[in-house]
All heavy atoms as atom14 arrays in JSON, in Angstrom:
{
  "sequence": "AITEYIDHAFEGTSLTGVGPQERAVVHMMQRRGEQKIVDAIG",
  "atom14_mask": [
    [1, 1, 1, 1, 1, 0, 0, 0, 0, 0, 0, 0, 0, 0],
    [1, 1, 1, 1, 1, 1, 1, 1, 0, 0, 0, 0, 0, 0],
    [1, 1, 1, 1, 1, 1, 1, 0, 0, 0, 0, 0, 0, 0],
    [1, 1, 1, 1, 1, 1, 1, 1, 1, 0, 0, 0, 0, 0],
    [1, 1, 1, 1, 1, 1, 1, 1, 1, 1, 1, 1, 0, 0],
    [1, 1, 1, 1, 1, 1, 1, 1, 0, 0, 0, 0, 0, 0],
    [1, 1, 1, 1, 1, 1, 1, 1, 0, 0, 0, 0, 0, 0],
    [1, 1, 1, 1, 1, 1, 1, 1, 1, 1, 0, 0, 0, 0],
    [1, 1, 1, 1, 1, 0, 0, 0, 0, 0, 0, 0, 0, 0],
    [1, 1, 1, 1, 1, 1, 1, 1, 1, 1, 1, 0, 0, 0],
    [1, 1, 1, 1, 1, 1, 1, 1, 1, 0, 0, 0, 0, 0],
    [1, 1, 1, 1, 0, 0, 0, 0, 0, 0, 0, 0, 0, 0],
    [1, 1, 1, 1, 1, 1, 1, 0, 0, 0, 0, 0, 0, 0],
    [1, 1, 1, 1, 1, 1, 0, 0, 0, 0, 0, 0, 0, 0],
    [1, 1, 1, 1, 1, 1, 1, 1, 0, 0, 0, 0, 0, 0],
    [1, 1, 1, 1, 1, 1, 1, 0, 0, 0, 0, 0, 0, 0],
    [1, 1, 1, 1, 0, 0, 0, 0, 0, 0, 0, 0, 0, 0],
    [1, 1, 1, 1, 1, 1, 1, 0, 0, 0, 0, 0, 0, 0],
    [1, 1, 1, 1, 0, 0, 0, 0, 0, 0, 0, 0, 0, 0],
    [1, 1, 1, 1, 1, 1, 1, 0, 0, 0, 0, 0, 0, 0],
    [1, 1, 1, 1, 1, 1, 1, 1, 1, 0, 0, 0, 0, 0],
    [1, 1, 1, 1, 1, 1, 1, 1, 1, 0, 0, 0, 0, 0],
    [1, 1, 1, 1, 1, 1, 1, 1, 1, 1, 1, 0, 0, 0],
    [1, 1, 1, 1, 1, 0, 0, 0, 0, 0, 0, 0, 0, 0],
    [1, 1, 1, 1, 1, 1, 1, 0, 0, 0, 0, 0, 0, 0],
    [1, 1, 1, 1, 1, 1, 1, 0, 0, 0, 0, 0, 0, 0],
    [1, 1, 1, 1, 1, 1, 1, 1, 1, 1, 0, 0, 0, 0],
    [1, 1, 1, 1, 1, 1, 1, 1, 0, 0, 0, 0, 0, 0],
    [1, 1, 1, 1, 1, 1, 1, 1, 0, 0, 0, 0, 0, 0],
    [1, 1, 1, 1, 1, 1, 1, 1, 1, 0, 0, 0, 0, 0],
    [1, 1, 1, 1, 1, 1, 1, 1, 1, 1, 1, 0, 0, 0],
    [1, 1, 1, 1, 1, 1, 1, 1, 1, 1, 1, 0, 0, 0],
    [1, 1, 1, 1, 0, 0, 0, 0, 0, 0, 0, 0, 0, 0],
    [1, 1, 1, 1, 1, 1, 1, 1, 1, 0, 0, 0, 0, 0],
    [1, 1, 1, 1, 1, 1, 1, 1, 1, 0, 0, 0, 0, 0],
    [1, 1, 1, 1, 1, 1, 1, 1, 1, 0, 0, 0, 0, 0],
    [1, 1, 1, 1, 1, 1, 1, 1, 0, 0, 0, 0, 0, 0],
    [1, 1, 1, 1, 1, 1, 1, 0, 0, 0, 0, 0, 0, 0],
    [1, 1, 1, 1, 1, 1, 1, 1, 0, 0, 0, 0, 0, 0],
    [1, 1, 1, 1, 1, 0, 0, 0, 0, 0, 0, 0, 0, 0],
    [1, 1, 1, 1, 1, 1, 1, 1, 0, 0, 0, 0, 0, 0],
    [1, 1, 1, 1, 0, 0, 0, 0, 0, 0, 0, 0, 0, 0]
  ],
  "atom14_positions": [
    [[77.1, 165.38, 51.28], [76.62, 164.96, 49.97], [76.83, 166.06, 48.94], [77.25, 165.8, 47.8], [75.14, 164.59, 50.05], [0.0, 0.0, 0.0], [0.0, 0.0, 0.0], [0.0, 0.0, 0.0], [0.0, 0.0, 0.0], [0.0, 0.0, 0.0], [0.0, 0.0, 0.0], [0.0, 0.0, 0.0], [0.0, 0.0, 0.0], [0.0, 0.0, 0.0]],
    [[76.57, 167.3, 49.32], [76.78, 168.42, 48.41], [78.27, 168.55, 48.06], [78.64, 168.76, 46.9], [76.25, 169.73, 49.02], [74.73, 169.66, 49.21], [76.62, 170.93, 48.15], [74.15, 170.83, 49.99], [0.0, 0.0, 0.0], [0.0, 0.0, 0.0], [0.0, 0.0, 0.0], [0.0, 0.0, 0.0], [0.0, 0.0, 0.0], [0.0, 0.0, 0.0]],
    [[79.12, 168.42, 49.08], [80.56, 168.53, 48.85], [81.05, 167.42, 47.94], [81.89, 167.64, 47.05], [81.32, 168.5, 50.19], [80.83, 169.54, 51.04], [82.81, 168.72, 49.96], [0.0, 0.0, 0.0], [0.0, 0.0, 0.0], [0.0, 0.0, 0.0], [0.0, 0.0, 0.0], [0.0, 0.0, 0.0], [0.0, 0.0, 0.0], [0.0, 0.0, 0.0]],
    [[80.53, 166.21, 48.13], [80.88, 165.1, 47.24], [80.5, 165.44, 45.8], [81.27, 165.2, 44.87], [80.17, 163.82, 47.68], [80.78, 163.14, 48.89], [81.96, 162.25, 48.52], [82.27, 162.12, 47.32], [82.57, 161.69, 49.43], [0.0, 0.0, 0.0], [0.0, 0.0, 0.0], [0.0, 0.0, 0.0], [0.0, 0.0, 0.0], [0.0, 0.0, 0.0]],
    [[79.31, 165.98, 45.61], [78.87, 166.33, 44.26], [79.81, 167.37, 43.65], [80.27, 167.22, 42.51], [77.43, 166.86, 44.27], [76.99, 167.29, 42.89], [76.47, 166.37, 41.99], [77.14, 168.62, 42.48], [76.1, 166.76, 40.7], [76.77, 169.01, 41.2], [76.25, 168.08, 40.33], [75.91, 168.46, 39.06], [0.0, 0.0, 0.0], [0.0, 0.0, 0.0]],
    [[80.08, 168.42, 44.39], [80.94, 169.49, 43.9], [82.32, 168.95, 43.55], [82.9, 169.27, 42.5], [81.04, 170.62, 44.95], [79.7, 171.33, 45.1], [82.15, 171.61, 44.59], [79.62, 172.23, 46.31], [0.0, 0.0, 0.0], [0.0, 0.0, 0.0], [0.0, 0.0, 0.0], [0.0, 0.0, 0.0], [0.0, 0.0, 0.0], [0.0, 0.0, 0.0]],
    [[82.87, 168.11, 44.43], [84.22, 167.6, 44.24], [84.34, 166.74, 42.98], [85.36, 166.75, 42.3], [84.65, 166.81, 45.47], [86.16, 166.63, 45.55], [86.88, 167.54, 45.08], [86.61, 165.61, 46.09], [0.0, 0.0, 0.0], [0.0, 0.0, 0.0], [0.0, 0.0, 0.0], [0.0, 0.0, 0.0], [0.0, 0.0, 0.0], [0.0, 0.0, 0.0]],
    [[83.28, 166.0, 42.67], [83.34, 165.09, 41.53], [82.77, 165.71, 40.25], [83.05, 165.22, 39.15], [82.62, 163.79, 41.86], [83.33, 162.98, 42.9], [83.09, 163.13, 44.25], [84.31, 162.05, 42.8], [83.86, 162.32, 44.92], [84.62, 161.65, 44.08], [0.0, 0.0, 0.0], [0.0, 0.0, 0.0], [0.0, 0.0, 0.0], [0.0, 0.0, 0.0]],
    [[82.0, 166.78, 40.39], [81.41, 167.42, 39.21], [82.36, 168.39, 38.53], [82.19, 168.71, 37.35], [80.12, 168.14, 39.59], [0.0, 0.0, 0.0], [0.0, 0.0, 0.0], [0.0, 0.0, 0.0], [0.0, 0.0, 0.0], [0.0, 0.0, 0.0], [0.0, 0.0, 0.0], [0.0, 0.0, 0.0], [0.0, 0.0, 0.0], [0.0, 0.0, 0.0]],
    [[83.36, 168.86, 39.28], [84.26, 169.87, 38.76], [85.71, 169.41, 38.89], [86.07, 168.7, 39.82], [84.06, 171.19, 39.49], [82.66, 171.74, 39.4], [81.81, 171.66, 40.48], [82.21, 172.32, 38.22], [80.51, 172.15, 40.4], [80.92, 172.82, 38.12], [80.07, 172.73, 39.22], [0.0, 0.0, 0.0], [0.0, 0.0, 0.0], [0.0, 0.0, 0.0]],
    [[86.53, 169.85, 37.96], [87.94, 169.51, 37.97], [88.66, 170.27, 39.09], [88.12, 171.21, 39.67], [88.58, 169.84, 36.62], [88.02, 169.02, 35.46], [88.67, 169.38, 34.15], [89.48, 170.34, 34.13], [88.37, 168.7, 33.14], [0.0, 0.0, 0.0], [0.0, 0.0, 0.0], [0.0, 0.0, 0.0], [0.0, 0.0, 0.0], [0.0, 0.0, 0.0]],
    [[89.89, 169.85, 39.36], [90.68, 170.53, 40.38], [91.12, 169.58, 41.46], [90.81, 168.38, 41.45], [0.0, 0.0, 0.0], [0.0, 0.0, 0.0], [0.0, 0.0, 0.0], [0.0, 0.0, 0.0], [0.0, 0.0, 0.0], [0.0, 0.0, 0.0], [0.0, 0.0, 0.0], [0.0, 0.0, 0.0], [0.0, 0.0, 0.0], [0.0, 0.0, 0.0]],
    [[91.83, 170.11, 42.43], [92.33, 169.31, 43.54], [91.19, 168.66, 44.3], [90.17, 169.3, 44.58], [93.15, 170.2, 44.5], [94.21, 170.82, 43.78], [93.72, 169.37, 45.65], [0.0, 0.0, 0.0], [0.0, 0.0, 0.0], [0.0, 0.0, 0.0], [0.0, 0.0, 0.0], [0.0, 0.0, 0.0], [0.0, 0.0, 0.0], [0.0, 0.0, 0.0]],
    [[91.35, 167.38, 44.63], [90.3, 166.66, 45.33], [90.16, 167.15, 46.77], [91.15, 167.37, 47.47], [90.62, 165.16, 45.34], [89.68, 164.46, 46.13], [0.0, 0.0, 0.0], [0.0, 0.0, 0.0], [0.0, 0.0, 0.0], [0.0, 0.0, 0.0], [0.0, 0.0, 0.0], [0.0, 0.0, 0.0], [0.0, 0.0, 0.0], [0.0, 0.0, 0.0]],
    [[88.91, 167.31, 47.19], [88.61, 167.67, 48.58], [88.17, 166.46, 49.39], [88.12, 166.53, 50.62], [87.49, 168.72, 48.61], [87.79, 170.06, 47.93], [86.54, 170.91, 47.92], [88.95, 170.77, 48.61], [0.0, 0.0, 0.0], [0.0, 0.0, 0.0], [0.0, 0.0, 0.0], [0.0, 0.0, 0.0], [0.0, 0.0, 0.0], [0.0, 0.0, 0.0]],
    [[87.85, 165.36, 48.72], [87.3, 164.18, 49.42], [88.24, 162.99, 49.39], [87.88, 161.91, 49.86], [85.94, 163.79, 48.81], [86.1, 163.51, 47.41], [84.93, 164.91, 48.98], [0.0, 0.0, 0.0], [0.0, 0.0, 0.0], [0.0, 0.0, 0.0], [0.0, 0.0, 0.0], [0.0, 0.0, 0.0], [0.0, 0.0, 0.0], [0.0, 0.0, 0.0]],
    [[89.44, 163.17, 48.85], [90.44, 162.12, 48.87], [90.54, 161.36, 47.57], [89.58, 161.25, 46.81], [0.0, 0.0, 0.0], [0.0, 0.0, 0.0], [0.0, 0.0, 0.0], [0.0, 0.0, 0.0], [0.0, 0.0, 0.0], [0.0, 0.0, 0.0], [0.0, 0.0, 0.0], [0.0, 0.0, 0.0], [0.0, 0.0, 0.0], [0.0, 0.0, 0.0]],
    [[91.73, 160.82, 47.32], [92.01, 160.03, 46.13], [92.43, 158.63, 46.57], [93.35, 158.48, 47.38], [93.13, 160.67, 45.28], [93.46, 159.79, 44.08], [92.74, 162.07, 44.85], [0.0, 0.0, 0.0], [0.0, 0.0, 0.0], [0.0, 0.0, 0.0], [0.0, 0.0, 0.0], [0.0, 0.0, 0.0], [0.0, 0.0, 0.0], [0.0, 0.0, 0.0]],
    [[91.77, 157.62, 46.05], [92.09, 156.26, 46.45], [91.34, 155.86, 47.7], [90.9, 156.72, 48.49], [0.0, 0.0, 0.0], [0.0, 0.0, 0.0], [0.0, 0.0, 0.0], [0.0, 0.0, 0.0], [0.0, 0.0, 0.0], [0.0, 0.0, 0.0], [0.0, 0.0, 0.0], [0.0, 0.0, 0.0], [0.0, 0.0, 0.0], [0.0, 0.0, 0.0]],
    [[91.17, 154.57, 47.94], [90.33, 154.1, 49.05], [90.83, 154.52, 50.44], [90.02, 154.92, 51.29], [90.33, 152.58, 48.89], [91.5, 152.27, 48.03], [91.67, 153.43, 47.13], [0.0, 0.0, 0.0], [0.0, 0.0, 0.0], [0.0, 0.0, 0.0], [0.0, 0.0, 0.0], [0.0, 0.0, 0.0], [0.0, 0.0, 0.0], [0.0, 0.0, 0.0]],
    [[92.12, 154.44, 50.69], [92.63, 154.79, 52.03], [92.48, 156.28, 52.3], [91.98, 156.69, 53.36], [94.09, 154.38, 52.16], [94.68, 154.77, 53.52], [96.1, 154.29, 53.71], [96.4, 153.11, 53.49], [96.99, 155.18, 54.11], [0.0, 0.0, 0.0], [0.0, 0.0, 0.0], [0.0, 0.0, 0.0], [0.0, 0.0, 0.0], [0.0, 0.0, 0.0]],
    [[92.9, 157.11, 51.34], [92.82, 158.55, 51.54], [91.38, 158.99, 51.7], [91.05, 159.83, 52.56], [93.48, 159.27, 50.38], [93.64, 160.77, 50.58], [94.42, 161.42, 49.46], [95.64, 161.16, 49.36], [93.8, 162.18, 48.67], [0.0, 0.0, 0.0], [0.0, 0.0, 0.0], [0.0, 0.0, 0.0], [0.0, 0.0, 0.0], [0.0, 0.0, 0.0]],
    [[90.49, 158.47, 50.88], [89.08, 158.83, 50.98], [88.51, 158.43, 52.33], [87.75, 159.19, 52.95], [88.28, 158.17, 49.85], [88.45, 158.84, 48.5], [87.64, 158.14, 47.42], [86.22, 158.12, 47.74], [85.39, 159.12, 47.53], [85.84, 160.26, 47.03], [84.11, 159.03, 47.83], [0.0, 0.0, 0.0], [0.0, 0.0, 0.0], [0.0, 0.0, 0.0]],
    [[88.87, 157.24, 52.81], [88.37, 156.77, 54.1], [88.84, 157.67, 55.23], [88.06, 158.02, 56.13], [88.81, 155.33, 54.34], [0.0, 0.0, 0.0], [0.0, 0.0, 0.0], [0.0, 0.0, 0.0], [0.0, 0.0, 0.0], [0.0, 0.0, 0.0], [0.0, 0.0, 0.0], [0.0, 0.0, 0.0], [0.0, 0.0, 0.0], [0.0, 0.0, 0.0]],
    [[90.11, 158.05, 55.21], [90.65, 158.9, 56.27], [90.0, 160.28, 56.24], [89.63, 160.84, 57.28], [92.18, 159.0, 56.17], [92.72, 160.04, 57.16], [92.82, 157.65, 56.44], [0.0, 0.0, 0.0], [0.0, 0.0, 0.0], [0.0, 0.0, 0.0], [0.0, 0.0, 0.0], [0.0, 0.0, 0.0], [0.0, 0.0, 0.0], [0.0, 0.0, 0.0]],
    [[89.84, 160.85, 55.03], [89.2, 162.16, 54.92], [87.78, 162.11, 55.48], [87.37, 162.97, 56.27], [89.19, 162.65, 53.45], [88.25, 163.85, 53.3], [90.59, 163.01, 53.0], [0.0, 0.0, 0.0], [0.0, 0.0, 0.0], [0.0, 0.0, 0.0], [0.0, 0.0, 0.0], [0.0, 0.0, 0.0], [0.0, 0.0, 0.0], [0.0, 0.0, 0.0]],
    [[87.02, 161.1, 55.09], [85.64, 161.0, 55.57], [85.6, 160.75, 57.09], [84.73, 161.31, 57.78], [84.9, 159.9, 54.82], [84.37, 160.35, 53.5], [83.09, 160.83, 53.34], [84.95, 160.44, 52.28], [82.89, 161.17, 52.07], [84.0, 160.95, 51.4], [0.0, 0.0, 0.0], [0.0, 0.0, 0.0], [0.0, 0.0, 0.0], [0.0, 0.0, 0.0]],
    [[86.51, 159.93, 57.59], [86.56, 159.7, 59.03], [86.83, 160.99, 59.79], [86.13, 161.33, 60.76], [87.65, 158.68, 59.35], [87.88, 158.46, 60.84], [89.23, 157.28, 61.17], [90.66, 158.27, 60.73], [0.0, 0.0, 0.0], [0.0, 0.0, 0.0], [0.0, 0.0, 0.0], [0.0, 0.0, 0.0], [0.0, 0.0, 0.0], [0.0, 0.0, 0.0]],
    [[87.83, 161.76, 59.36], [88.21, 162.96, 60.09], [87.18, 164.08, 59.91], [86.95, 164.85, 60.84], [89.59, 163.42, 59.64], [90.7, 162.43, 59.99], [90.75, 162.01, 61.76], [91.32, 163.56, 62.47], [0.0, 0.0, 0.0], [0.0, 0.0, 0.0], [0.0, 0.0, 0.0], [0.0, 0.0, 0.0], [0.0, 0.0, 0.0], [0.0, 0.0, 0.0]],
    [[86.56, 164.14, 58.74], [85.54, 165.18, 58.59], [84.32, 164.86, 59.44], [83.69, 165.75, 59.99], [85.2, 165.4, 57.12], [84.01, 164.7, 56.57], [82.71, 165.4, 56.87], [82.67, 166.62, 57.0], [81.66, 164.64, 57.02], [0.0, 0.0, 0.0], [0.0, 0.0, 0.0], [0.0, 0.0, 0.0], [0.0, 0.0, 0.0], [0.0, 0.0, 0.0]],
    [[84.01, 163.58, 59.61], [82.9, 163.21, 60.48], [83.23, 163.54, 61.94], [82.37, 164.0, 62.68], [82.56, 161.72, 60.32], [81.39, 161.27, 61.18], [80.13, 162.06, 60.89], [79.04, 161.7, 61.78], [78.15, 162.57, 62.24], [78.21, 163.85, 61.91], [77.19, 162.16, 63.05], [0.0, 0.0, 0.0], [0.0, 0.0, 0.0], [0.0, 0.0, 0.0]],
    [[84.48, 163.31, 62.33], [84.88, 163.72, 63.67], [84.78, 165.22, 63.82], [84.42, 165.73, 64.9], [86.31, 163.25, 63.94], [86.43, 161.73, 64.12], [87.85, 161.28, 64.36], [87.93, 159.83, 64.45], [89.05, 159.14, 64.58], [90.21, 159.78, 64.67], [89.03, 157.81, 64.65], [0.0, 0.0, 0.0], [0.0, 0.0, 0.0], [0.0, 0.0, 0.0]],
    [[85.08, 165.96, 62.76], [84.92, 167.41, 62.8], [83.48, 167.82, 63.02], [83.18, 168.77, 63.76], [0.0, 0.0, 0.0], [0.0, 0.0, 0.0], [0.0, 0.0, 0.0], [0.0, 0.0, 0.0], [0.0, 0.0, 0.0], [0.0, 0.0, 0.0], [0.0, 0.0, 0.0], [0.0, 0.0, 0.0], [0.0, 0.0, 0.0], [0.0, 0.0, 0.0]],
    [[82.57, 167.1, 62.37], [81.15, 167.37, 62.59], [80.76, 167.07, 64.03], [80.13, 167.89, 64.71], [80.31, 166.52, 61.64], [80.34, 166.98, 60.2], [79.5, 166.11, 59.29], [79.33, 164.9, 59.58], [79.01, 166.63, 58.28], [0.0, 0.0, 0.0], [0.0, 0.0, 0.0], [0.0, 0.0, 0.0], [0.0, 0.0, 0.0], [0.0, 0.0, 0.0]],
    [[81.1, 165.88, 64.5], [80.67, 165.45, 65.83], [81.28, 166.3, 66.94], [80.6, 166.72, 67.87], [81.04, 163.99, 66.04], [80.27, 163.02, 65.17], [80.78, 161.6, 65.31], [81.99, 161.35, 65.43], [79.86, 160.64, 65.31], [0.0, 0.0, 0.0], [0.0, 0.0, 0.0], [0.0, 0.0, 0.0], [0.0, 0.0, 0.0], [0.0, 0.0, 0.0]],
    [[82.58, 166.55, 66.84], [83.32, 167.17, 67.94], [83.28, 168.7, 67.92], [83.51, 169.33, 68.95], [84.78, 166.7, 67.93], [84.95, 165.2, 68.18], [86.4, 164.79, 68.06], [86.6, 163.3, 68.31], [86.32, 162.94, 69.71], [0.0, 0.0, 0.0], [0.0, 0.0, 0.0], [0.0, 0.0, 0.0], [0.0, 0.0, 0.0], [0.0, 0.0, 0.0]],
    [[83.01, 169.29, 66.75], [83.0, 170.75, 66.65], [81.66, 171.27, 66.13], [80.92, 171.95, 66.85], [84.16, 171.26, 65.76], [85.52, 170.78, 66.29], [84.11, 172.79, 65.68], [85.93, 171.38, 67.62], [0.0, 0.0, 0.0], [0.0, 0.0, 0.0], [0.0, 0.0, 0.0], [0.0, 0.0, 0.0], [0.0, 0.0, 0.0], [0.0, 0.0, 0.0]],
    [[81.32, 170.97, 64.9], [80.14, 171.58, 64.27], [78.85, 171.2, 65.01], [78.05, 172.06, 65.39], [80.05, 171.2, 62.78], [78.75, 171.73, 62.17], [81.24, 171.76, 62.01], [0.0, 0.0, 0.0], [0.0, 0.0, 0.0], [0.0, 0.0, 0.0], [0.0, 0.0, 0.0], [0.0, 0.0, 0.0], [0.0, 0.0, 0.0], [0.0, 0.0, 0.0]],
    [[78.62, 169.9, 65.19], [77.38, 169.46, 65.86], [77.38, 169.87, 67.32], [76.34, 170.25, 67.87], [77.22, 167.95, 65.74], [76.98, 167.49, 64.31], [76.73, 168.34, 63.44], [77.06, 166.27, 64.06], [0.0, 0.0, 0.0], [0.0, 0.0, 0.0], [0.0, 0.0, 0.0], [0.0, 0.0, 0.0], [0.0, 0.0, 0.0], [0.0, 0.0, 0.0]],
    [[78.55, 169.79, 67.96], [78.63, 170.11, 69.39], [78.35, 171.59, 69.64], [77.54, 171.94, 70.51], [80.0, 169.72, 69.93], [0.0, 0.0, 0.0], [0.0, 0.0, 0.0], [0.0, 0.0, 0.0], [0.0, 0.0, 0.0], [0.0, 0.0, 0.0], [0.0, 0.0, 0.0], [0.0, 0.0, 0.0], [0.0, 0.0, 0.0], [0.0, 0.0, 0.0]],
    [[79.01, 172.47, 68.88], [78.78, 173.89, 69.11], [77.37, 174.28, 68.65], [76.75, 175.19, 69.21], [79.85, 174.75, 68.41], [79.85, 176.17, 68.99], [79.67, 174.78, 66.91], [80.13, 176.26, 70.48], [0.0, 0.0, 0.0], [0.0, 0.0, 0.0], [0.0, 0.0, 0.0], [0.0, 0.0, 0.0], [0.0, 0.0, 0.0], [0.0, 0.0, 0.0]],
    [[76.84, 173.56, 67.68], [75.46, 173.8, 67.26], [74.48, 173.48, 68.37], [73.53, 174.24, 68.61], [0.0, 0.0, 0.0], [0.0, 0.0, 0.0], [0.0, 0.0, 0.0], [0.0, 0.0, 0.0], [0.0, 0.0, 0.0], [0.0, 0.0, 0.0], [0.0, 0.0, 0.0], [0.0, 0.0, 0.0], [0.0, 0.0, 0.0], [0.0, 0.0, 0.0]]
  ]
}
């Protein structure tokens, strides 16, 4: 949620994806990153 705010509050290259497909893939893969790496090692 914080990253979404930062990405949309400030100009620059998008970190959360542009367009519905790109945004969906970014969110899918970042969630896998949480589940498979961040949450697991935590």
